[in-house]
Amino acid sequence: MHKVTHPQNTAENNAPTTLLLSLLLSSAIAAAAPPLLRPGFYSETCPEAESIVRDVLRRAMARETRSAASVMRLQFHDCLVNGCDGSLLLDDTATMVGEKLALSNVDSLRSYEVIDEAKEAVERACPGVVSCADVVIMAARDAVLLSGGPNWEVKLGRKDSLTASQEASNDIMPSPRANATYLTNLFSKFNLTIKDLVALSGSHSIGKARCFSIVFRLYNQSGSGQPDPAIEPRFRVKLNKLCPLGGDEEVTGDLDATPERFDNQYYKDLVQGRGFLNSDQTLFTSPETKKYVKMFSQNQSEFFSAFVEGMIKLGDLQSGIPGEIRRNCRVVNSRWTEVLLETER
């Protein structure tokens, strides 16, 4: 009779199995973990990326100064919805309703073509290397800098999403009617402080907004049939002329008294009751946020420092969902390949 022997349950015998399990687990964690963001991410793979994006933005601002404000706001609307993943840039398809037509974006966000131009320029230099999500982050920083605001190192290394969600955008993005309490609660969900909220609202230091966004506070604030009492009377007269009841709601007005220069005038205007949007003026009427409005109105350096800190924190938001480096910011790569094939036929 042959004696049946069994391998001993030793660490040596289990080593291959343990190694395999470790590799599988590591791969799973790597796939699920968001990319590690850092300054200089493209220093070896595409060292000219940041200068290319800045040059494109400089040319866009030469054509239309307002492009700076429009491009900067793309970071806010992209990052607050499932992280900074370029999902905002995707066009709708037959099977996906994206974010461009979401309530806070439709007829409001603009200058997508500037991001397209920057991406195309980067692709010519370094094909398939730089994500659209990172182009947005770089362009937003450059919009501030080229408008007279602060400069900072941006963390890069993001991937582009494979889908987008209008519903997610509608659920998250605030309206121009939002009050300070709502905004504070919203920002806290992203670990952004009250100071971050007030500082990042300073993005309205440049740019314009439509009469559509303020007619309610001029003529029927909170359903009262009366104007918002927080509006300084002479400023209200000016706004009434710009946005008459029953007038063209697509007409635009300046968000502060220096709409082409990134500075702390926005906060000075709020202190004087001259905020354009309800969501801006409410920052001075709410005790929690008022102290930061006063601080930034008196100290531009303090505002710049807090704004940079807020933008970096905003840029750190990630979903952890796997993505890709899109070749065209408006479509995922699988669809872009189909478009190219159809064009060649």
Protein backbone atom coordinates (compact mmCIF):
# COMPACT_ATOMS: atom_id res chain seq x y z
CA MET A 1 0.00 0.00 0.00
CA HIS A 2 1.33 3.32 -0.98
CA LYS A 3 1.33 5.93 1.66
CA VAL A 4 -0.55 8.99 0.55
CA THR A 5 1.26 12.20 1.47
CA HIS A 6 -0.19 15.68 1.52
CA PRO A 7 1.84 18.83 1.04
CA GLN A 8 2.41 20.63 4.27
CA ASN A 9 0.57 23.92 4.69
CA THR A 10 3.71 25.99 4.80
CA ALA A 11 4.38 29.60 3.90
CA GLU A 12 6.65 28.32 1.12
CA ASN A 13 3.87 26.28 -0.51
CA ASN A 14 1.39 29.11 -0.17
CA ALA A 15 3.73 31.75 -1.53
CA PRO A 16 2.57 31.64 -5.17
CA THR A 17 -1.07 31.80 -4.15
CA THR A 18 -0.44 34.62 -1.70
CA LEU A 19 1.53 36.53 -4.31
CA LEU A 20 -1.23 36.10 -6.88
CA LEU A 21 -3.86 37.30 -4.45
CA SER A 22 -1.73 40.27 -3.50
CA LEU A 23 -1.24 41.22 -7.14
CA LEU A 24 -4.96 40.92 -7.86
CA LEU A 25 -5.84 42.96 -4.80
CA SER A 26 -3.28 45.62 -5.68
CA SER A 27 -4.63 45.82 -9.22
CA ALA A 28 -8.19 46.19 -7.95
CA ILE A 29 -7.18 48.94 -5.54
CA ALA A 30 -5.21 50.72 -8.24
CA ALA A 31 -8.15 50.57 -10.61
CA ALA A 32 -10.51 52.00 -8.01
CA ALA A 33 -8.19 54.62 -6.52
CA PRO A 34 -8.25 58.10 -8.04
CA PRO A 35 -5.07 59.26 -9.77
CA LEU A 36 -2.42 60.86 -7.59
CA LEU A 37 -2.42 64.53 -8.52
CA ARG A 38 0.76 66.59 -8.35
CA PRO A 39 2.34 69.71 -9.82
CA GLY A 40 4.58 69.07 -12.82
CA PHE A 41 2.76 65.87 -13.71
CA TYR A 42 3.55 66.35 -17.41
CA SER A 43 7.09 67.65 -16.94
CA GLU A 44 8.54 64.66 -18.80
CA THR A 45 5.65 63.46 -20.99
CA CYS A 46 4.47 66.88 -22.20
CA PRO A 47 6.65 69.64 -20.73
CA GLU A 48 5.08 72.40 -22.86
CA ALA A 49 1.49 71.58 -21.88
CA GLU A 50 0.96 74.45 -19.45
CA SER A 51 2.53 77.08 -21.71
CA ILE A 52 0.48 75.81 -24.67
CA VAL A 53 -2.78 76.16 -22.74
CA ARG A 54 -1.82 79.63 -21.50
CA ASP A 55 -1.01 80.82 -25.02
CA VAL A 56 -4.39 79.60 -26.28
CA LEU A 57 -6.19 81.39 -23.46
CA ARG A 58 -4.24 84.57 -24.08
CA ARG A 59 -5.36 84.54 -27.73
CA ALA A 60 -8.96 83.81 -26.72
CA MET A 61 -8.97 86.77 -24.33
CA ALA A 62 -7.58 88.99 -27.07
CA ARG A 63 -10.62 88.06 -29.15
CA GLU A 64 -13.06 88.41 -26.24
CA THR A 65 -12.02 89.43 -22.73
CA ARG A 66 -15.06 87.71 -21.25
CA SER A 67 -13.56 84.35 -22.24
CA ALA A 68 -11.49 84.45 -19.05
CA ALA A 69 -14.52 84.47 -16.77
CA SER A 70 -16.30 81.86 -18.86
CA VAL A 71 -13.35 79.46 -18.85
CA MET A 72 -12.69 79.89 -15.13
CA ARG A 73 -16.26 78.91 -14.27
CA LEU A 74 -15.93 75.65 -16.16
CA GLN A 75 -13.77 74.34 -13.30
CA PHE A 76 -16.53 75.01 -10.76
CA HIS A 77 -19.25 73.38 -12.83
CA ASP A 78 -17.08 70.39 -13.70
CA CYS A 79 -15.51 69.68 -10.31
CA LEU A 80 -18.64 69.91 -8.15
CA VAL A 81 -20.36 67.21 -10.24
CA ASN A 82 -18.61 63.87 -9.65
CA GLY A 83 -15.20 65.49 -9.34
CA CYS A 84 -12.90 67.18 -11.85
CA ASP A 85 -13.21 64.70 -14.70
CA GLY A 86 -14.14 66.70 -17.80
CA SER A 87 -17.66 65.24 -17.77
CA LEU A 88 -19.03 68.76 -18.29
CA LEU A 89 -17.39 68.88 -21.72
CA LEU A 90 -19.14 65.82 -23.18
CA ASP A 91 -21.82 66.45 -25.80
CA ASP A 92 -25.12 64.58 -25.53
CA THR A 93 -25.45 61.31 -27.43
CA ALA A 94 -28.35 59.05 -28.33
CA THR A 95 -27.77 57.13 -25.11
CA MET A 96 -26.51 59.85 -22.74
CA VAL A 97 -27.91 63.20 -21.62
CA GLY A 98 -24.88 65.17 -20.46
CA GLU A 99 -24.35 68.23 -18.30
CA LYS A 100 -24.25 71.06 -20.84
CA LEU A 101 -28.02 71.45 -20.82
CA ALA A 102 -28.39 71.14 -17.04
CA LEU A 103 -30.34 73.94 -15.37
CA SER A 104 -27.30 75.86 -14.13
CA ASN A 105 -25.37 75.40 -17.38
CA VAL A 106 -27.75 75.87 -20.32
CA ASP A 107 -27.59 79.38 -21.82
CA SER A 108 -25.09 80.22 -19.09
CA LEU A 109 -21.80 78.37 -19.51
CA ARG A 110 -19.81 79.27 -22.58
CA SER A 111 -16.33 79.19 -24.16
CA TYR A 112 -16.24 75.41 -24.54
CA GLU A 113 -14.53 76.12 -27.86
CA VAL A 114 -11.57 77.63 -25.99
CA ILE A 115 -11.02 74.32 -24.20
CA ASP A 116 -11.36 72.55 -27.58
CA GLU A 117 -8.70 74.82 -29.03
CA ALA A 118 -6.35 74.25 -26.10
CA LYS A 119 -6.83 70.49 -26.23
CA GLU A 120 -6.18 70.40 -29.98
CA ALA A 121 -2.98 72.37 -29.51
CA VAL A 122 -1.80 70.06 -26.73
CA GLU A 123 -2.69 66.99 -28.82
CA ARG A 124 -0.52 68.24 -31.66
CA ALA A 125 2.43 68.46 -29.27
CA CYS A 126 1.76 65.37 -27.15
CA PRO A 127 -0.92 63.06 -28.56
CA GLY A 128 -2.91 61.09 -25.99
CA VAL A 129 -1.08 62.41 -22.93
CA VAL A 130 -2.95 65.35 -21.37
CA SER A 131 -6.54 64.93 -20.17
CA CYS A 132 -9.33 67.38 -20.94
CA ALA A 133 -9.98 67.59 -17.19
CA ASP A 134 -6.45 68.89 -16.69
CA VAL A 135 -6.81 71.35 -19.56
CA VAL A 136 -9.80 72.87 -17.71
CA ILE A 137 -7.78 73.16 -14.49
CA MET A 138 -4.84 74.81 -16.26
CA ALA A 139 -7.07 77.17 -18.24
CA ALA A 140 -9.01 78.24 -15.13
CA ARG A 141 -5.77 79.16 -13.36
CA ASP A 142 -4.55 81.05 -16.42
CA ALA A 143 -7.85 82.92 -16.71
CA VAL A 144 -7.32 84.31 -13.22
CA LEU A 145 -3.66 85.14 -13.79
CA LEU A 146 -4.18 86.84 -17.16
CA SER A 147 -6.97 88.95 -15.62
CA GLY A 148 -4.62 90.38 -13.01
CA GLY A 149 -5.18 87.80 -10.30
CA PRO A 150 -2.81 85.42 -8.50
CA ASN A 151 -0.75 82.61 -9.99
CA TRP A 152 -0.35 79.15 -8.48
CA GLU A 153 0.95 75.68 -9.24
CA VAL A 154 -1.84 73.40 -10.36
CA LYS A 155 -1.95 69.72 -9.51
CA LEU A 156 -2.37 67.58 -12.61
CA GLY A 157 -2.81 63.92 -13.53
CA ARG A 158 -6.60 63.58 -13.85
CA LYS A 159 -8.42 61.18 -16.14
CA ASP A 160 -11.44 62.04 -18.26
CA SER A 161 -14.80 60.49 -17.43
CA LEU A 162 -16.48 58.00 -19.73
CA THR A 163 -19.93 59.50 -19.21
CA ALA A 164 -21.81 62.52 -17.88
CA SER A 165 -25.10 63.10 -16.07
CA GLN A 166 -27.48 66.02 -16.45
CA GLU A 167 -29.41 64.73 -13.45
CA ALA A 168 -26.30 64.81 -11.25
CA SER A 169 -25.61 68.40 -12.30
CA ASN A 170 -29.20 69.46 -11.64
CA ASP A 171 -29.04 67.88 -8.18
CA ILE A 172 -25.84 69.69 -7.18
CA MET A 173 -25.29 73.01 -8.92
CA PRO A 174 -26.87 75.99 -7.13
CA SER A 175 -29.10 78.57 -8.82
CA PRO A 176 -28.56 82.35 -8.79
CA ARG A 177 -31.39 82.49 -6.22
CA ALA A 178 -29.50 80.40 -3.65
CA ASN A 179 -28.97 81.93 -0.22
CA ALA A 180 -25.90 81.72 1.99
CA THR A 181 -27.28 78.91 4.16
CA TYR A 182 -27.93 76.71 1.13
CA LEU A 183 -24.50 77.47 -0.32
CA THR A 184 -22.75 76.81 2.99
CA ASN A 185 -24.43 73.42 3.32
CA LEU A 186 -23.61 72.55 -0.28
CA PHE A 187 -19.94 73.40 0.02
CA SER A 188 -19.62 71.54 3.30
CA LYS A 189 -20.53 68.33 1.46
CA PHE A 190 -17.26 68.73 -0.42
CA ASN A 191 -15.24 69.57 2.71
CA LEU A 192 -15.10 73.19 1.62
CA THR A 193 -15.33 75.69 4.48
CA ILE A 194 -17.35 78.89 4.80
CA LYS A 195 -14.16 80.81 4.05
CA ASP A 196 -13.66 78.68 0.93
CA LEU A 197 -17.23 79.46 -0.15
CA VAL A 198 -16.79 83.22 0.18
CA ALA A 199 -13.35 83.17 -1.44
CA LEU A 200 -14.44 81.02 -4.39
CA SER A 201 -17.49 83.23 -4.89
CA GLY A 202 -14.88 85.85 -5.75
CA SER A 203 -14.70 84.18 -9.15
CA HIS A 204 -17.48 86.68 -9.88
CA SER A 205 -14.81 89.36 -9.72
CA ILE A 206 -14.77 89.05 -13.51
CA GLY A 207 -17.48 88.47 -16.07
CA LYS A 208 -21.16 89.09 -16.67
CA ALA A 209 -24.54 87.48 -15.96
CA ARG A 210 -27.94 87.63 -17.63
CA CYS A 211 -30.98 89.64 -16.57
CA PHE A 212 -32.73 86.26 -16.41
CA SER A 213 -30.77 85.61 -13.22
CA ILE A 214 -31.90 88.74 -11.38
CA VAL A 215 -35.39 89.80 -12.51
CA PHE A 216 -36.93 87.96 -9.57
CA ARG A 217 -34.91 89.97 -7.04
CA LEU A 218 -35.69 93.23 -8.82
CA TYR A 219 -39.45 92.77 -8.94
CA ASN A 220 -40.58 89.79 -6.85
CA GLN A 221 -38.02 88.78 -4.22
CA SER A 222 -39.24 85.67 -2.37
CA GLY A 223 -42.70 86.09 -3.92
CA SER A 224 -43.21 89.43 -2.16
CA GLY A 225 -43.95 91.46 -5.28
CA GLN A 226 -41.18 93.78 -4.07
CA PRO A 227 -37.46 94.17 -4.85
CA ASP A 228 -34.74 92.68 -2.68
CA PRO A 229 -34.29 95.22 0.16
CA ALA A 230 -30.56 94.40 0.25
CA ILE A 231 -30.03 96.16 -3.11
CA GLU A 232 -28.64 99.67 -2.70
CA PRO A 233 -31.33 102.05 -4.08
CA ARG A 234 -29.24 103.80 -6.74
CA PHE A 235 -27.87 100.47 -7.91
CA ARG A 236 -31.42 99.13 -8.13
CA VAL A 237 -32.38 102.03 -10.42
CA LYS A 238 -29.46 101.11 -12.65
CA LEU A 239 -30.48 97.45 -12.71
CA ASN A 240 -34.12 98.34 -13.41
CA LYS A 241 -33.00 100.20 -16.53
CA LEU A 242 -30.78 97.32 -17.61
CA CYS A 243 -33.39 94.64 -16.86
CA PRO A 244 -36.91 96.10 -17.10
CA LEU A 245 -39.84 93.89 -16.20
CA GLY A 246 -40.90 92.07 -19.36
CA GLY A 247 -37.67 93.05 -21.13
CA ASP A 248 -35.02 90.94 -22.84
CA GLU A 249 -33.72 88.58 -20.19
CA GLU A 250 -30.68 87.66 -22.29
CA VAL A 251 -29.18 91.12 -21.77
CA THR A 252 -26.06 90.89 -19.58
CA GLY A 253 -24.75 93.03 -16.76
CA ASP A 254 -21.37 93.26 -15.05
CA LEU A 255 -20.89 91.08 -11.98
CA ASP A 256 -18.88 93.84 -10.29
CA ALA A 257 -17.59 97.33 -11.04
CA THR A 258 -14.35 96.00 -12.59
CA PRO A 259 -15.61 93.05 -14.67
CA GLU A 260 -12.41 92.56 -16.67
CA ARG A 261 -9.98 92.69 -13.74
CA PHE A 262 -9.62 90.00 -11.09
CA ASP A 263 -9.48 91.96 -7.83
CA ASN A 264 -11.39 92.44 -4.57
CA GLN A 265 -13.85 95.00 -5.98
CA TYR A 266 -16.51 92.27 -5.92
CA TYR A 267 -16.44 92.27 -2.10
CA LYS A 268 -16.43 96.07 -1.89
CA ASP A 269 -19.57 96.04 -4.02
CA LEU A 270 -21.25 93.51 -1.73
CA VAL A 271 -20.52 95.69 1.32
CA GLN A 272 -22.24 98.57 -0.50
CA GLY A 273 -25.29 96.46 -1.46
CA ARG A 274 -24.27 96.39 -5.11
CA GLY A 275 -24.02 92.64 -5.70
CA PHE A 276 -25.52 91.59 -9.04
CA LEU A 277 -26.73 88.10 -8.12
CA ASN A 278 -28.80 87.13 -5.10
CA SER A 279 -26.32 84.32 -4.40
CA ASP A 280 -23.60 87.00 -4.16
CA GLN A 281 -25.35 89.66 -2.05
CA THR A 282 -26.58 87.02 0.39
CA LEU A 283 -22.96 86.50 1.44
CA PHE A 284 -23.03 89.93 3.08
CA THR A 285 -26.48 89.65 4.63
CA SER A 286 -25.71 86.32 6.33
CA PRO A 287 -23.70 86.62 9.59
CA GLU A 288 -21.69 83.43 8.91
CA THR A 289 -20.28 84.69 5.63
CA LYS A 290 -20.35 88.46 6.23
CA LYS A 291 -17.10 88.55 8.18
CA TYR A 292 -15.17 87.06 5.27
CA VAL A 293 -16.77 89.46 2.79
CA LYS A 294 -15.60 92.36 4.97
CA MET A 295 -12.14 90.81 5.36
CA PHE A 296 -11.64 90.33 1.62
CA SER A 297 -13.05 93.79 0.83
CA GLN A 298 -10.35 95.31 3.01
CA ASN A 299 -7.45 93.03 2.09
CA GLN A 300 -6.94 91.90 -1.51
CA SER A 301 -3.89 89.79 -0.62
CA GLU A 302 -5.97 87.86 1.89
CA PHE A 303 -8.59 87.25 -0.79
CA PHE A 304 -6.02 86.09 -3.33
CA SER A 305 -4.48 83.66 -0.83
CA ALA A 306 -7.85 82.22 0.18
CA PHE A 307 -8.99 81.98 -3.44
CA VAL A 308 -5.91 79.99 -4.44
CA GLU A 309 -6.38 77.64 -1.49
CA GLY A 310 -10.03 77.15 -2.44
CA MET A 311 -9.25 76.48 -6.10
CA ILE A 312 -6.66 73.86 -5.17
CA LYS A 313 -9.14 72.13 -2.83
CA LEU A 314 -11.82 72.30 -5.52
CA GLY A 315 -9.39 70.80 -8.02
CA ASP A 316 -8.68 67.90 -5.66
CA LEU A 317 -12.26 66.60 -5.93
CA GLN A 318 -12.32 63.21 -7.66
CA SER A 319 -14.90 60.47 -8.06
CA GLY A 320 -12.46 57.54 -8.11
CA ILE A 321 -14.26 56.15 -11.18
CA PRO A 322 -11.84 54.87 -13.88
CA GLY A 323 -11.42 57.13 -16.88
CA GLU A 324 -9.32 57.78 -19.99
CA ILE A 325 -7.38 60.47 -21.81
CA ARG A 326 -9.87 61.70 -24.38
CA ARG A 327 -8.61 62.65 -27.81
CA ASN A 328 -11.55 65.01 -28.27
CA CYS A 329 -13.05 66.64 -25.18
CA ARG A 330 -16.60 66.42 -26.51
CA VAL A 331 -16.73 62.64 -27.00
CA VAL A 332 -15.32 59.53 -25.35
CA ASN A 333 -12.59 57.78 -27.32
CA SER A 334 -14.71 54.85 -28.47
CA ARG A 335 -17.20 57.24 -30.05
CA TRP A 336 -14.41 59.45 -31.48
CA THR A 337 -12.97 56.44 -33.26
CA GLU A 338 -16.39 55.77 -34.81
CA VAL A 339 -16.63 59.40 -35.98
CA LEU A 340 -13.19 59.24 -37.61
CA LEU A 341 -14.05 56.01 -39.40
CA GLU A 342 -17.33 57.45 -40.66
CA THR A 343 -15.47 60.55 -41.92
CA GLU A 344 -12.97 58.41 -43.84
CA ARG A 345 -15.67 56.43 -45.64
